[in-house]
PDB file of N, CA and C in Angstrom:
ATOM      1  N   MET A   1      68.864 103.682 246.113  1.00  0.00           N
ATOM      2  CA  MET A   1      69.395 103.197 244.527  1.00  0.00           C
ATOM      3  C   MET A   1      71.041 103.623 244.796  1.00  0.00           C
ATOM      4  N   ILE A   2      71.378 104.784 244.937  1.00  0.00           N
ATOM      5  CA  ILE A   2      73.003 105.214 244.962  1.00  0.00           C
ATOM      6  C   ILE A   2      73.513 104.332 246.124  1.00  0.00           C
ATOM      7  N   ASN A   3      72.763 104.164 247.301  1.00  0.00           N
ATOM      8  CA  ASN A   3      73.423 103.454 248.280  1.00  0.00           C
ATOM      9  C   ASN A   3      73.440 101.962 247.848  1.00  0.00           C
ATOM     10  N   ASN A   4      72.687 101.410 247.436  1.00  0.00           N
ATOM     11  CA  ASN A   4      72.799 100.029 246.771  1.00  0.00           C
ATOM     12  C   ASN A   4      73.878  99.771 245.756  1.00  0.00           C
ATOM     13  N   LEU A   5      73.949 100.759 245.004  1.00  0.00           N
ATOM     14  CA  LEU A   5      75.190 100.912 243.995  1.00  0.00           C
ATOM     15  C   LEU A   5      76.500 100.899 244.497  1.00  0.00           C
ATOM     16  N   LYS A   6      76.651 101.863 245.691  1.00  0.00           N
ATOM     17  CA  LYS A   6      77.696 101.928 246.413  1.00  0.00           C
ATOM     18  C   LYS A   6      78.218 100.701 247.107  1.00  0.00           C
ATOM     19  N   GLN A   7      77.047  99.872 247.596  1.00  0.00           N
ATOM     20  CA  GLN A   7      77.513  98.605 248.369  1.00  0.00           C
ATOM     21  C   GLN A   7      77.839  97.659 247.597  1.00  0.00           C
ATOM     22  N   LYS A   8      77.385  97.606 246.200  1.00  0.00           N
ATOM     23  CA  LYS A   8      77.767  96.498 245.278  1.00  0.00           C
ATOM     24  C   LYS A   8      79.145  96.829 244.779  1.00  0.00           C
ATOM     25  N   LEU A   9      79.287  98.317 244.531  1.00  0.00           N
ATOM     26  CA  LEU A   9      80.861  98.382 244.299  1.00  0.00           C
ATOM     27  C   LEU A   9      81.711  98.246 245.192  1.00  0.00           C
ATOM     28  N   PHE A  10      81.257  98.383 246.666  1.00  0.00           N
ATOM     29  CA  PHE A  10      82.512  98.131 247.576  1.00  0.00           C
ATOM     30  C   PHE A  10      82.703  96.648 247.733  1.00  0.00           C
ATOM     31  N   LYS A  11      81.632  95.903 247.499  1.00  0.00           N
ATOM     32  CA  LYS A  11      81.663  94.419 247.534  1.00  0.00           C
ATOM     33  C   LYS A  11      82.845  93.987 246.415  1.00  0.00           C
ATOM     34  N   ILE A  12      82.422  94.464 245.264  1.00  0.00           N
ATOM     35  CA  ILE A  12      83.503  93.981 244.158  1.00  0.00           C
ATOM     36  C   ILE A  12      84.644  94.637 244.307  1.00  0.00           C
ATOM     37  N   TYR A  13      84.896  95.760 244.887  1.00  0.00           N
ATOM     38  CA  TYR A  13      86.535  96.373 245.264  1.00  0.00           C
ATOM     39  C   TYR A  13      86.870  95.255 246.233  1.00  0.00           C
ATOM     40  N   SER A  14      86.320  95.254 247.400  1.00  0.00           N
ATOM     41  CA  SER A  14      86.950  94.187 248.468  1.00  0.00           C
ATOM     42  C   SER A  14      87.099  92.692 247.718  1.00  0.00           C
ATOM     43  N   ILE A  15      86.536  92.359 247.213  1.00  0.00           N
ATOM     44  CA  ILE A  15      86.852  91.212 246.585  1.00  0.00           C
ATOM     45  C   ILE A  15      88.071  90.990 245.654  1.00  0.00           C
ATOM     46  N   PHE A  16      88.100  92.017 244.935  1.00  0.00           N
ATOM     47  CA  PHE A  16      89.158  92.351 243.901  1.00  0.00           C
ATOM     48  C   PHE A  16      90.352  92.586 244.762  1.00  0.00           C
ATOM     49  N   VAL A  17      90.427  93.418 245.633  1.00  0.00           N
ATOM     50  CA  VAL A  17      91.662  93.694 246.802  1.00  0.00           C
ATOM     51  C   VAL A  17      91.841  92.246 247.266  1.00  0.00           C
ATOM     52  N   TYR A  18      90.907  91.519 247.883  1.00  0.00           N
ATOM     53  CA  TYR A  18      91.371  90.463 248.546  1.00  0.00           C
ATOM     54  C   TYR A  18      92.033  89.384 247.704  1.00  0.00           C
ATOM     55  N   PHE A  19      91.670  89.367 246.275  1.00  0.00           N
ATOM     56  CA  PHE A  19      92.434  88.418 245.533  1.00  0.00           C
ATOM     57  C   PHE A  19      93.832  88.683 245.278  1.00  0.00           C
ATOM     58  N   LEU A  20      94.073  90.137 245.215  1.00  0.00           N
ATOM     59  CA  LEU A  20      95.441  90.873 244.811  1.00  0.00           C
ATOM     60  C   LEU A  20      96.269  90.597 245.889  1.00  0.00           C
ATOM     61  N   THR A  21      95.821  90.759 247.324  1.00  0.00           N
ATOM     62  CA  THR A  21      96.379  90.654 248.313  1.00  0.00           C
ATOM     63  C   THR A  21      96.878  89.299 248.736  1.00  0.00           C
ATOM     64  N   ILE A  22      96.225  88.274 248.438  1.00  0.00           N
ATOM     65  CA  ILE A  22      96.631  87.017 248.991  1.00  0.00           C
ATOM     66  C   ILE A  22      97.750  86.607 248.612  1.00  0.00           C
ATOM     67  N   PRO A  23      98.206  86.722 247.196  1.00  0.00           N
ATOM     68  CA  PRO A  23      99.798  86.378 247.107  1.00  0.00           C
ATOM     69  C   PRO A  23     100.850  87.007 247.782  1.00  0.00           C
ATOM     70  N   ILE A  24     100.576  88.232 248.074  1.00  0.00           N
ATOM     71  CA  ILE A  24     101.384  89.106 248.972  1.00  0.00           C
ATOM     72  C   ILE A  24     101.554  88.684 250.285  1.00  0.00           C
ATOM     73  N   ILE A  25     100.441  88.620 250.968  1.00  0.00           N
ATOM     74  CA  ILE A  25     100.387  87.764 252.297  1.00  0.00           C
ATOM     75  C   ILE A  25     100.963  86.552 252.318  1.00  0.00           C
ATOM     76  N   LEU A  26     100.676  85.504 251.319  1.00  0.00           N
ATOM     77  CA  LEU A  26     101.267  84.294 251.358  1.00  0.00           C
ATOM     78  C   LEU A  26     102.660  84.362 251.397  1.00  0.00           C
ATOM     79  N   LYS A  27     103.429  85.306 250.639  1.00  0.00           N
ATOM     80  CA  LYS A  27     104.722  85.232 250.311  1.00  0.00           C
ATOM     81  C   LYS A  27     105.276  85.853 251.496  1.00  0.00           C
ATOM     82  N   GLU A  28     104.824  87.035 252.258  1.00  0.00           N
ATOM     83  CA  GLU A  28     105.362  87.543 253.505  1.00  0.00           C
ATOM     84  C   GLU A  28     105.164  86.649 254.527  1.00  0.00           C
ATOM     85  N   SER A  29     104.232  85.637 254.599  1.00  0.00           N
ATOM     86  CA  SER A  29     104.241  84.890 255.799  1.00  0.00           C
ATOM     87  C   SER A  29     105.257  83.652 255.915  1.00  0.00           C
ATOM     88  N   LYS A  30     106.102  83.377 254.475  1.00  0.00           N
ATOM     89  CA  LYS A  30     107.359  82.758 254.518  1.00  0.00           C
ATOM     90  C   LYS A  30     108.472  83.322 255.350  1.00  0.00           C
ATOM     91  N   PHE A  31     108.545  84.678 255.552  1.00  0.00           N
ATOM     92  CA  PHE A  31     109.604  85.187 255.971  1.00  0.00           C
ATOM     93  C   PHE A  31     109.463  85.355 257.501  1.00  0.00           C
ATOM     94  N   PRO A  32     110.396  85.127 258.236  1.00  0.00           N
ATOM     95  CA  PRO A  32     110.214  85.074 259.925  1.00  0.00           C
ATOM     96  C   PRO A  32     110.052  86.333 260.379  1.00  0.00           C
ATOM     97  N   SER A  33     109.147  86.372 261.614  1.00  0.00           N
ATOM     98  CA  SER A  33     108.860  87.969 261.970  1.00  0.00           C
ATOM     99  C   SER A  33     109.890  88.105 262.839  1.00  0.00           C
ATOM    100  N   PHE A  34     110.079  89.600 263.074  1.00  0.00           N
ATOM    101  CA  PHE A  34     110.857  89.765 263.996  1.00  0.00           C
ATOM    102  C   PHE A  34     110.402  89.741 265.568  1.00  0.00           C
ATOM    103  N   LYS A  35     110.923  89.097 266.406  1.00  0.00           N
ATOM    104  CA  LYS A  35     110.456  88.912 267.758  1.00  0.00           C
ATOM    105  C   LYS A  35     110.835  90.141 268.956  1.00  0.00           C
ATOM    106  N   GLU A  36     111.894  90.688 268.324  1.00  0.00           N
ATOM    107  CA  GLU A  36     112.207  91.791 269.262  1.00  0.00           C
ATOM    108  C   GLU A  36     112.561  93.087 268.626  1.00  0.00           C
ATOM    109  N   ILE A  37     112.161  94.168 269.094  1.00  0.00           N
ATOM    110  CA  ILE A  37     112.255  95.821 268.735  1.00  0.00           C
ATOM    111  C   ILE A  37     113.695  96.083 268.645  1.00  0.00           C
ATOM    112  N   ASN A  38     114.130  96.740 267.676  1.00  0.00           N
ATOM    113  CA  ASN A  38     115.337  97.336 267.590  1.00  0.00           C
ATOM    114  C   ASN A  38     115.734  98.111 268.768  1.00  0.00           C
ATOM    115  N   GLU A  39     116.600  98.027 269.724  1.00  0.00           N
ATOM    116  CA  GLU A  39     116.898  99.132 270.406  1.00  0.00           C
ATOM    117  C   GLU A  39     117.045 100.656 270.437  1.00  0.00           C
ATOM    118  N   ARG A  40     117.434 100.703 269.040  1.00  0.00           N
ATOM    119  CA  ARG A  40     117.441 102.234 268.182  1.00  0.00           C
ATOM    120  C   ARG A  40     116.199 102.884 268.579  1.00  0.00           C
ATOM    121  N   ALA A  41     114.989 102.489 268.365  1.00  0.00           N
ATOM    122  CA  ALA A  41     113.790 103.073 268.338  1.00  0.00           C
ATOM    123  C   ALA A  41     113.808 103.547 269.930  1.00  0.00           C
ATOM    124  N   ILE A  42     113.917 102.758 270.701  1.00  0.00           N
ATOM    125  CA  ILE A  42     113.718 103.109 272.155  1.00  0.00           C
ATOM    126  C   ILE A  42     114.675 104.390 272.638  1.00  0.00           C
ATOM    127  N   GLU A  43     115.950 103.943 272.198  1.00  0.00           N
ATOM    128  CA  GLU A  43     117.105 105.142 272.487  1.00  0.00           C
ATOM    129  C   GLU A  43     116.621 106.338 271.802  1.00  0.00           C
ATOM    130  N   TYR A  44     116.370 106.413 270.576  1.00  0.00           N
ATOM    131  CA  TYR A  44     116.151 107.775 269.820  1.00  0.00           C
ATOM    132  C   TYR A  44     114.857 108.347 270.572  1.00  0.00           C
ATOM    133  N   GLY A  45     113.909 107.796 271.084  1.00  0.00           N
ATOM    134  CA  GLY A  45     112.579 108.161 271.395  1.00  0.00           C
ATOM    135  C   GLY A  45     112.990 108.755 272.768  1.00  0.00           C
ATOM    136  N   PHE A  46     113.811 108.005 273.527  1.00  0.00           N
ATOM    137  CA  PHE A  46     114.408 108.520 274.959  1.00  0.00           C
ATOM    138  C   PHE A  46     114.905 109.837 274.585  1.00  0.00           C
ATOM    139  N   VAL A  47     115.964 109.866 273.580  1.00  0.00           N
ATOM    140  CA  VAL A  47     116.917 111.115 273.556  1.00  0.00           C
ATOM    141  C   VAL A  47     116.120 112.256 273.225  1.00  0.00           C
ATOM    142  N   PHE A  48     115.218 112.191 272.064  1.00  0.00           N
ATOM    143  CA  PHE A  48     114.319 113.133 271.756  1.00  0.00           C
ATOM    144  C   PHE A  48     113.150 113.671 272.570  1.00  0.00           C
ATOM    145  N   LYS A  49     112.915 112.798 273.328  1.00  0.00           N
ATOM    146  CA  LYS A  49     111.899 113.214 274.306  1.00  0.00           C
ATOM    147  C   LYS A  49     112.777 114.202 275.460  1.00  0.00           C
ATOM    148  N   HIS A  50     113.717 113.883 275.822  1.00  0.00           N
ATOM    149  CA  HIS A  50     114.534 114.791 276.832  1.00  0.00           C
ATOM    150  C   HIS A  50     115.057 115.952 276.105  1.00  0.00           C
ATOM    151  N   LEU A  51     115.782 115.999 274.937  1.00  0.00           N
ATOM    152  CA  LEU A  51     115.964 116.936 274.151  1.00  0.00           C
ATOM    153  C   LEU A  51     114.752 117.936 274.023  1.00  0.00           C
ATOM    154  N   TRP A  52     113.596 117.596 273.851  1.00  0.00           N
ATOM    155  CA  TRP A  52     112.445 118.583 273.605  1.00  0.00           C
ATOM    156  C   TRP A  52     112.082 119.194 275.081  1.00  0.00           C
ATOM    157  N   ARG A  53     112.308 118.341 276.108  1.00  0.00           N
ATOM    158  CA  ARG A  53     111.950 118.921 277.382  1.00  0.00           C
ATOM    159  C   ARG A  53     113.112 119.950 277.748  1.00  0.00           C
ATOM    160  N   ILE A  54     114.494 119.913 277.577  1.00  0.00           N
ATOM    161  CA  ILE A  54     115.279 120.625 278.198  1.00  0.00           C
ATOM    162  C   ILE A  54     115.838 121.639 277.082  1.00  0.00           C
ATOM    163  N   SER A  55     115.699 121.475 275.795  1.00  0.00           N
ATOM    164  CA  SER A  55     115.809 122.440 274.686  1.00  0.00           C
ATOM    165  C   SER A  55     117.291 123.109 274.536  1.00  0.00           C
ATOM    166  N   PRO A  56     118.413 122.150 274.634  1.00  0.00           N
ATOM    167  CA  PRO A  56     119.528 122.776 274.423  1.00  0.00           C
ATOM    168  C   PRO A  56     119.906 123.443 273.097  1.00  0.00           C
ATOM    169  N   THR A  57     120.801 124.230 272.695  1.00  0.00           N
ATOM    170  CA  THR A  57     121.282 124.571 271.451  1.00  0.00           C
ATOM    171  C   THR A  57     122.212 123.812 270.985  1.00  0.00           C
ATOM    172  N   GLU A  58     123.127 123.312 271.892  1.00  0.00           N
ATOM    173  CA  GLU A  58     124.306 122.611 271.331  1.00  0.00           C
ATOM    174  C   GLU A  58     124.429 121.403 271.894  1.00  0.00           C
ATOM    175  N   LEU A  59     124.912 120.355 271.467  1.00  0.00           N
ATOM    176  CA  LEU A  59     125.188 118.891 271.967  1.00  0.00           C
ATOM    177  C   LEU A  59     126.380 118.513 271.634  1.00  0.00           C
ATOM    178  N   LEU A  60     126.983 117.526 272.486  1.00  0.00           N
ATOM    179  CA  LEU A  60     128.264 116.973 272.479  1.00  0.00           C
ATOM    180  C   LEU A  60     128.006 115.380 272.292  1.00  0.00           C
ATOM    181  N   ASP A  61     127.854 114.637 271.186  1.00  0.00           N
ATOM    182  CA  ASP A  61     127.564 113.270 271.147  1.00  0.00           C
ATOM    183  C   ASP A  61     128.878 112.465 271.563  1.00  0.00           C
ATOM    184  N   VAL A  62     128.885 111.747 272.482  1.00  0.00           N
ATOM    185  CA  VAL A  62     130.123 111.108 272.758  1.00  0.00           C
ATOM    186  C   VAL A  62     129.949 109.565 272.744  1.00  0.00           C
ATOM    187  N   GLY A  63     130.965 109.000 271.900  1.00  0.00           N
ATOM    188  CA  GLY A  63     130.779 107.615 271.525  1.00  0.00           C
ATOM    189  C   GLY A  63     129.582 107.004 270.617  1.00  0.00           C
ATOM    190  N   MET A  64     129.278 107.693 269.556  1.00  0.00           N
ATOM    191  CA  MET A  64     128.022 107.385 269.030  1.00  0.00           C
ATOM    192  C   MET A  64     128.290 106.254 267.915  1.00  0.00           C
ATOM    193  N   GLY A  65     129.571 105.915 267.726  1.00  0.00           N
ATOM    194  CA  GLY A  65     129.885 104.794 266.894  1.00  0.00           C
ATOM    195  C   GLY A  65     129.243 105.327 265.493  1.00  0.00           C
ATOM    196  N   LYS A  66     128.578 104.072 264.936  1.00  0.00           N
ATOM    197  CA  LYS A  66     128.259 104.553 263.510  1.00  0.00           C
ATOM    198  C   LYS A  66     126.598 104.796 263.282  1.00  0.00           C
ATOM    199  N   THR A  67     125.971 105.115 264.409  1.00  0.00           N
ATOM    200  CA  THR A  67     124.695 105.470 264.562  1.00  0.00           C
ATOM    201  C   THR A  67     124.350 106.695 263.680  1.00  0.00           C
ATOM    202  N   ALA A  68     123.197 106.992 263.256  1.00  0.00           N
ATOM    203  CA  ALA A  68     122.857 108.394 262.605  1.00  0.00           C
ATOM    204  C   ALA A  68     122.091 109.104 263.591  1.00  0.00           C
ATOM    205  N   LEU A  69     122.237 108.862 264.970  1.00  0.00           N
ATOM    206  CA  LEU A  69     121.590 109.941 265.819  1.00  0.00           C
ATOM    207  C   LEU A  69     122.425 111.242 265.762  1.00  0.00           C
ATOM    208  N   PRO A  70     123.501 111.791 265.652  1.00  0.00           N
ATOM    209  CA  PRO A  70     123.951 112.802 265.678  1.00  0.00           C
ATOM    210  C   PRO A  70     123.576 113.702 264.345  1.00  0.00           C
ATOM    211  N   HIS A  71     123.320 113.020 263.015  1.00  0.00           N
ATOM    212  CA  HIS A  71     122.776 113.383 261.954  1.00  0.00           C
ATOM    213  C   HIS A  71     121.192 113.843 262.474  1.00  0.00           C
ATOM    214  N   LEU A  72     120.536 113.002 262.867  1.00  0.00           N
ATOM    215  CA  LEU A  72     118.993 113.322 263.150  1.00  0.00           C
ATOM    216  C   LEU A  72     119.133 114.467 263.872  1.00  0.00           C
ATOM    217  N   MET A  73     119.820 114.632 265.125  1.00  0.00           N
ATOM    218  CA  MET A  73     119.752 115.802 265.981  1.00  0.00           C
ATOM    219  C   MET A  73     120.061 117.106 265.197  1.00  0.00           C
ATOM    220  N   ALA A  74     121.129 116.993 264.540  1.00  0.00           N
ATOM    221  CA  ALA A  74     121.306 118.038 263.491  1.00  0.00           C
ATOM    222  C   ALA A  74     120.368 118.507 262.633  1.00  0.00           C
ATOM    223  N   ASN A  75     119.654 117.640 262.055  1.00  0.00           N
ATOM    224  CA  ASN A  75     118.584 117.916 261.156  1.00  0.00           C
ATOM    225  C   ASN A  75     117.172 118.440 262.002  1.00  0.00           C
ATOM    226  N   CYS A  76     117.436 118.350 263.371  1.00  0.00           N
ATOM    227  CA  CYS A  76     116.365 118.919 264.111  1.00  0.00           C
ATOM    228  C   CYS A  76     116.759 120.272 264.529  1.00  0.00           C
ATOM    229  N   GLY A  77     117.775 120.654 263.936  1.00  0.00           N
ATOM    230  CA  GLY A  77     118.201 122.223 264.377  1.00  0.00           C
ATOM    231  C   GLY A  77     119.191 122.381 265.700  1.00  0.00           C
ATOM    232  N   PHE A  78     119.783 121.336 266.215  1.00  0.00           N
ATOM    233  CA  PHE A  78     120.909 121.392 267.190  1.00  0.00           C
ATOM    234  C   PHE A  78     122.006 121.503 266.589  1.00  0.00           C
ATOM    235  N   LYS A  79     122.995 122.250 267.247  1.00  0.00           N
ATOM    236  CA  LYS A  79     124.318 122.157 266.826  1.00  0.00           C
ATOM    237  C   LYS A  79     125.177 121.068 267.358  1.00  0.00           C
ATOM    238  N   VAL A  80     125.369 120.249 266.561  1.00  0.00           N
ATOM    239  CA  VAL A  80     125.928 118.744 267.228  1.00  0.00           C
ATOM    240  C   VAL A  80     127.401 118.710 266.990  1.00  0.00           C
ATOM    241  N   LYS A  81     128.407 118.344 267.883  1.00  0.00           N
ATOM    242  CA  LYS A  81     129.525 117.865 267.686  1.00  0.00           C
ATOM    243  C   LYS A  81     129.628 116.339 268.120  1.00  0.00           C
ATOM    244  N   ALA A  82     130.185 115.514 267.355  1.00  0.00           N
ATOM    245  CA  ALA A  82     130.228 114.204 267.671  1.00  0.00           C
ATOM    246  C   ALA A  82     131.685 113.548 267.905  1.00  0.00           C
ATOM    247  N   ILE A  83     132.122 113.005 269.023  1.00  0.00           N
ATOM    248  CA  ILE A  83     133.289 112.512 269.006  1.00  0.00           C
ATOM    249  C   ILE A  83     133.359 110.874 269.456  1.00  0.00           C
ATOM    250  N   ASP A  84     134.318 110.112 269.089  1.00  0.00           N
ATOM    251  CA  ASP A  84     134.290 108.634 269.421  1.00  0.00           C
ATOM    252  C   ASP A  84     135.808 108.335 269.322  1.00  0.00           C
ATOM    253  N   LYS A  85     136.156 107.362 270.222  1.00  0.00           N
ATOM    254  CA  LYS A  85     137.440 106.882 270.427  1.00  0.00           C
ATOM    255  C   LYS A  85     137.595 105.553 269.410  1.00  0.00           C
ATOM    256  N   VAL A  86     138.215 105.953 268.275  1.00  0.00           N
ATOM    257  CA  VAL A  86     138.295 104.954 267.293  1.00  0.00           C
ATOM    258  C   VAL A  86     139.446 104.011 267.542  1.00  0.00           C
ATOM    259  N   HIS A  87     140.515 104.456 267.683  1.00  0.00           N
ATOM    260  CA  HIS A  87     141.719 103.592 267.970  1.00  0.00           C
ATOM    261  C   HIS A  87     141.725 102.807 269.323  1.00  0.00           C
ATOM    262  N   GLY A  88     141.871 101.455 269.299  1.00  0.00           N
ATOM    263  CA  GLY A  88     141.620 100.625 270.440  1.00  0.00           C
ATOM    264  C   GLY A  88     140.124 100.058 270.633  1.00  0.00           C
ATOM    265  N   TYR A  89     139.123 100.731 269.712  1.00  0.00           N
ATOM    266  CA  TYR A  89     137.839  99.874 269.804  1.00  0.00           C
ATOM    267  C   TYR A  89     137.264  99.713 268.333  1.00  0.00           C
ATOM    268  N   TRP A  90     137.315 100.659 267.286  1.00  0.00           N
ATOM    269  CA  TRP A  90     136.948 100.272 266.106  1.00  0.00           C
ATOM    270  C   TRP A  90     138.084 100.015 265.295  1.00  0.00           C
ATOM    271  N   SER A  91     137.695  99.378 264.071  1.00  0.00           N
ATOM    272  CA  SER A  91     138.563  98.797 263.094  1.00  0.00           C
ATOM    273  C   SER A  91     139.590 100.468 262.630  1.00  0.00           C
ATOM    274  N   ASP A  92     140.444 100.211 261.852  1.00  0.00           N
ATOM    275  CA  ASP A  92     141.134 101.516 261.199  1.00  0.00           C
ATOM    276  C   ASP A  92     140.299 101.997 259.993  1.00  0.00           C
ATOM    277  N   ASP A  93     139.356 101.096 259.513  1.00  0.00           N
ATOM    278  CA  ASP A  93     138.516 101.759 258.541  1.00  0.00           C
ATOM    279  C   ASP A  93     137.247 102.175 258.818  1.00  0.00           C
ATOM    280  N   PHE A  94     137.206 102.594 260.115  1.00  0.00           N
ATOM    281  CA  PHE A  94     135.659 103.286 260.850  1.00  0.00           C
ATOM    282  C   PHE A  94     135.405 104.426 260.063  1.00  0.00           C
ATOM    283  N   VAL A  95     134.114 104.292 259.493  1.00  0.00           N
ATOM    284  CA  VAL A  95     133.489 105.695 259.046  1.00  0.00           C
ATOM    285  C   VAL A  95     132.023 105.780 259.380  1.00  0.00           C
ATOM    286  N   ASN A  96     131.569 106.884 259.894  1.00  0.00           N
ATOM    287  CA  ASN A  96     130.179 107.140 260.100  1.00  0.00           C
ATOM    288  C   ASN A  96     129.634 107.827 258.911  1.00  0.00           C
ATOM    289  N   ARG A  97     128.965 107.163 257.948  1.00  0.00           N
ATOM    290  CA  ARG A  97     128.380 107.783 257.012  1.00  0.00           C
ATOM    291  C   ARG A  97     127.312 108.857 257.242  1.00  0.00           C
ATOM    292  N   HIS A  98     126.826 108.923 258.392  1.00  0.00           N
ATOM    293  CA  HIS A  98     125.779 109.815 258.623  1.00  0.00           C
ATOM    294  C   HIS A  98     126.446 111.187 258.979  1.00  0.00           C
ATOM    295  N   PHE A  99     127.519 111.108 259.713  1.00  0.00           N
ATOM    296  CA  PHE A  99     127.941 112.315 260.265  1.00  0.00           C
ATOM    297  C   PHE A  99     129.602 112.635 260.155  1.00  0.00           C
ATOM    298  N   TYR A 100     130.176 113.791 260.671  1.00  0.00           N
ATOM    299  CA  TYR A 100     131.486 113.847 260.731  1.00  0.00           C
ATOM    300  C   TYR A 100     131.754 113.512 262.038  1.00  0.00           C
ATOM    301  N   ILE A 101     132.634 112.726 262.367  1.00  0.00           N
ATOM    302  CA  ILE A 101     133.123 112.284 263.826  1.00  0.00           C
ATOM    303  C   ILE A 101     134.621 112.924 264.206  1.00  0.00           C
ATOM    304  N   PHE A 102     134.674 113.615 265.202  1.00  0.00           N
ATOM    305  CA  PHE A 102     135.942 113.954 265.579  1.00  0.00           C
ATOM    306  C   PHE A 102     136.738 112.886 266.386  1.00  0.00           C
ATOM    307  N   ILE A 103     137.933 112.846 266.106  1.00  0.00           N
ATOM    308  CA  ILE A 103     138.607 111.436 266.694  1.00  0.00           C
ATOM    309  C   ILE A 103     139.539 112.210 267.745  1.00  0.00           C
TER     310      ILE A 103
END
């Protein structure tokens, strides 16, 4: 009896969820899907894999640009110093909103 009731409730719930999600799925299907993975996920995965392996305490990030990588490494407990050559590459209004950069 209880199993039968659970099955009926699950069926009602499934139908209810189905009709709620159809408009969302239709709307999302209008947007183009990404065909490529952003390279940052690959880069950060590589960096943190090797940082975990060698476990340094201090890091020098050279040429990080506007990425959040030095901020992420600092949040993981590393002492990070980040430098970049701004003049001659970046515009004069270069700002890394994630981390202080030494120029």
